């Protein structure tokens, strides 16, 4: 994960963070909710339906059939 803005709950992710799920590994216990996988490649953005964290894809998209 490259960048986190706690005030806006926006997270910039790269191909290394895929597959993307929320909450992210290492999140504090108080921030945990059921894990949900998010497709950030389709539009370049995804928002968690549980906590509202907005994920923004940056960088080069992964190559392959995934």
N, C-alpha and C. Protein backbone atom coordinates (compact mmCIF):
# COMPACT_ATOMS: atom_id res chain seq x y z
N UNK A 1 0.84 -1.16 0.00
CA UNK A 1 0.00 0.00 0.00
C UNK A 1 0.89 1.23 0.00
N UNK A 2 0.61 2.15 -0.89
CA UNK A 2 1.49 3.29 -0.96
C UNK A 2 1.10 4.44 -0.07
N UNK A 3 -0.14 4.79 -0.02
CA UNK A 3 -0.53 6.04 0.63
C UNK A 3 -1.87 5.88 1.33
N UNK A 4 -1.96 6.35 2.58
CA UNK A 4 -3.22 6.29 3.32
C UNK A 4 -3.49 7.67 3.89
N UNK A 5 -4.69 8.18 3.66
CA UNK A 5 -5.11 9.45 4.26
C UNK A 5 -6.22 9.11 5.26
N UNK A 6 -5.87 9.08 6.54
CA UNK A 6 -6.81 8.66 7.58
C UNK A 6 -8.02 9.58 7.69
N UNK A 7 -7.87 10.85 7.38
CA UNK A 7 -9.01 11.76 7.49
C UNK A 7 -10.08 11.45 6.45
N UNK A 8 -9.66 11.09 5.25
CA UNK A 8 -10.59 10.82 4.17
C UNK A 8 -10.86 9.34 3.99
N UNK A 9 -10.07 8.51 4.66
CA UNK A 9 -10.13 7.06 4.49
C UNK A 9 -10.01 6.70 3.01
N UNK A 10 -8.99 7.26 2.39
CA UNK A 10 -8.69 6.94 1.00
C UNK A 10 -7.34 6.24 0.96
N UNK A 11 -7.29 5.14 0.22
CA UNK A 11 -6.08 4.34 0.15
C UNK A 11 -5.69 4.19 -1.31
N UNK A 12 -4.46 4.55 -1.63
CA UNK A 12 -3.93 4.32 -2.97
C UNK A 12 -3.31 2.93 -3.00
N UNK A 13 -3.72 2.11 -3.96
CA UNK A 13 -3.21 0.74 -4.06
C UNK A 13 -2.56 0.53 -5.42
N UNK A 14 -1.68 -0.45 -5.48
CA UNK A 14 -1.00 -0.80 -6.72
C UNK A 14 -1.25 -2.27 -7.03
N UNK A 15 -0.67 -2.75 -8.10
CA UNK A 15 -0.84 -4.15 -8.49
C UNK A 15 -0.32 -5.10 -7.42
N UNK A 16 0.63 -4.66 -6.62
CA UNK A 16 1.17 -5.51 -5.54
C UNK A 16 0.13 -5.77 -4.44
N UNK A 17 -0.91 -4.93 -4.34
CA UNK A 17 -1.93 -5.07 -3.30
C UNK A 17 -3.09 -5.96 -3.73
N UNK A 18 -3.04 -6.49 -4.95
CA UNK A 18 -4.14 -7.30 -5.46
C UNK A 18 -3.94 -8.76 -5.11
N UNK A 19 -4.97 -9.53 -4.86
CA UNK A 19 -6.37 -9.13 -4.82
C UNK A 19 -6.63 -8.23 -3.61
N UNK A 20 -7.48 -7.24 -3.82
CA UNK A 20 -7.76 -6.23 -2.81
C UNK A 20 -8.92 -6.65 -1.93
N UNK A 21 -8.68 -6.61 -0.63
CA UNK A 21 -9.76 -6.89 0.32
C UNK A 21 -9.74 -5.83 1.42
N UNK A 22 -10.87 -5.64 2.02
CA UNK A 22 -11.02 -4.70 3.14
C UNK A 22 -11.67 -5.47 4.28
N UNK A 23 -11.19 -5.35 5.51
CA UNK A 23 -10.09 -4.52 5.96
C UNK A 23 -8.76 -5.08 5.53
N UNK A 24 -7.77 -4.21 5.41
CA UNK A 24 -6.43 -4.59 4.99
C UNK A 24 -5.75 -5.37 6.11
N UNK A 25 -4.84 -6.27 5.75
CA UNK A 25 -4.08 -7.00 6.78
C UNK A 25 -3.36 -6.00 7.69
N UNK A 26 -3.41 -6.28 8.97
CA UNK A 26 -2.75 -5.40 9.93
C UNK A 26 -3.63 -4.28 10.44
N UNK A 27 -4.88 -4.22 10.01
CA UNK A 27 -5.79 -3.18 10.50
C UNK A 27 -6.02 -3.39 12.00
N UNK A 28 -6.16 -2.30 12.76
CA UNK A 28 -6.40 -2.45 14.19
C UNK A 28 -7.72 -3.18 14.44
N UNK A 29 -7.81 -3.82 15.58
CA UNK A 29 -8.99 -4.62 15.91
C UNK A 29 -10.28 -3.82 15.85
N UNK A 30 -10.24 -2.56 16.27
CA UNK A 30 -11.46 -1.74 16.27
C UNK A 30 -11.94 -1.43 14.85
N UNK A 31 -11.07 -1.59 13.86
CA UNK A 31 -11.43 -1.26 12.48
C UNK A 31 -11.83 -2.51 11.68
N UNK A 32 -11.98 -3.64 12.35
CA UNK A 32 -12.29 -4.88 11.64
C UNK A 32 -13.77 -5.00 11.34
N UNK A 33 -14.07 -5.58 10.21
CA UNK A 33 -15.42 -5.93 9.80
C UNK A 33 -15.31 -7.16 8.92
N UNK A 34 -16.41 -7.79 8.49
CA UNK A 34 -16.27 -8.96 7.61
C UNK A 34 -15.45 -8.61 6.37
N UNK A 35 -14.59 -9.53 5.96
CA UNK A 35 -13.73 -9.28 4.80
C UNK A 35 -14.56 -9.24 3.52
N UNK A 36 -14.28 -8.26 2.70
CA UNK A 36 -14.94 -8.12 1.41
C UNK A 36 -13.86 -7.87 0.36
N UNK A 37 -13.96 -8.57 -0.77
CA UNK A 37 -13.01 -8.37 -1.86
C UNK A 37 -13.57 -7.31 -2.80
N UNK A 38 -12.70 -6.40 -3.23
CA UNK A 38 -13.11 -5.26 -4.05
C UNK A 38 -12.41 -5.30 -5.40
N UNK A 39 -13.16 -5.02 -6.47
CA UNK A 39 -12.59 -4.98 -7.82
C UNK A 39 -12.24 -3.54 -8.16
N UNK A 40 -10.98 -3.19 -7.94
CA UNK A 40 -10.53 -1.84 -8.17
C UNK A 40 -10.04 -1.64 -9.60
N UNK A 41 -9.85 -2.73 -10.34
CA UNK A 41 -9.33 -2.63 -11.70
C UNK A 41 -10.39 -2.22 -12.72
N UNK A 42 -11.63 -2.54 -12.45
CA UNK A 42 -12.70 -2.27 -13.42
C UNK A 42 -12.82 -0.78 -13.73
N UNK A 43 -12.86 0.05 -12.70
CA UNK A 43 -13.04 1.49 -12.90
C UNK A 43 -11.88 2.31 -12.36
N UNK A 44 -10.96 1.66 -11.64
CA UNK A 44 -9.85 2.38 -11.03
C UNK A 44 -10.15 2.82 -9.61
N UNK A 45 -11.39 2.60 -9.16
CA UNK A 45 -11.81 2.99 -7.81
C UNK A 45 -12.75 1.94 -7.25
N UNK A 46 -12.78 1.84 -5.94
CA UNK A 46 -13.74 0.96 -5.26
C UNK A 46 -13.94 1.49 -3.85
N UNK A 47 -15.15 1.31 -3.33
CA UNK A 47 -15.47 1.75 -1.98
C UNK A 47 -15.99 0.57 -1.18
N UNK A 48 -15.47 0.41 0.03
CA UNK A 48 -15.90 -0.68 0.91
C UNK A 48 -17.33 -0.42 1.38
N UNK A 49 -18.23 -1.39 1.21
CA UNK A 49 -19.61 -1.19 1.66
C UNK A 49 -19.78 -1.18 3.18
N UNK A 50 -18.78 -1.69 3.92
CA UNK A 50 -18.88 -1.72 5.37
C UNK A 50 -18.39 -0.44 6.02
N UNK A 51 -17.17 -0.02 5.68
CA UNK A 51 -16.57 1.12 6.39
C UNK A 51 -16.47 2.39 5.55
N UNK A 52 -16.73 2.29 4.25
CA UNK A 52 -16.69 3.46 3.40
C UNK A 52 -15.30 3.87 2.95
N UNK A 53 -14.28 3.06 3.24
CA UNK A 53 -12.94 3.38 2.78
C UNK A 53 -12.91 3.34 1.26
N UNK A 54 -12.33 4.38 0.68
CA UNK A 54 -12.24 4.49 -0.77
C UNK A 54 -10.85 4.05 -1.22
N UNK A 55 -10.79 3.11 -2.16
CA UNK A 55 -9.54 2.63 -2.70
C UNK A 55 -9.37 3.14 -4.12
N UNK A 56 -8.18 3.65 -4.42
CA UNK A 56 -7.87 4.21 -5.74
C UNK A 56 -6.66 3.47 -6.29
N UNK A 57 -6.81 2.90 -7.49
CA UNK A 57 -5.72 2.16 -8.11
C UNK A 57 -4.77 3.14 -8.80
N UNK A 58 -3.47 2.97 -8.55
CA UNK A 58 -2.47 3.80 -9.19
C UNK A 58 -1.42 2.90 -9.83
N UNK A 59 -0.75 3.39 -10.81
CA UNK A 59 0.31 2.62 -11.46
C UNK A 59 -0.20 1.80 -12.61
N UNK A 60 0.65 0.87 -13.03
CA UNK A 60 0.35 0.03 -14.19
C UNK A 60 -0.51 -1.17 -13.79
N UNK A 61 -1.52 -1.45 -14.59
CA UNK A 61 -2.39 -2.60 -14.32
C UNK A 61 -1.61 -3.90 -14.54
N UNK A 62 -1.94 -4.93 -13.77
CA UNK A 62 -1.23 -6.20 -13.95
C UNK A 62 -1.52 -6.80 -15.32
N UNK A 63 -0.57 -7.51 -15.85
CA UNK A 63 -0.74 -8.16 -17.14
C UNK A 63 -1.21 -9.59 -16.92
N UNK A 64 -1.99 -10.09 -17.85
CA UNK A 64 -2.48 -11.46 -17.74
C UNK A 64 -3.98 -11.52 -17.91
N UNK A 65 -4.54 -12.65 -17.64
CA UNK A 65 -5.97 -12.86 -17.85
C UNK A 65 -6.81 -12.59 -16.61
N UNK A 66 -6.23 -12.15 -15.52
CA UNK A 66 -6.99 -11.95 -14.29
C UNK A 66 -7.74 -10.71 -14.36
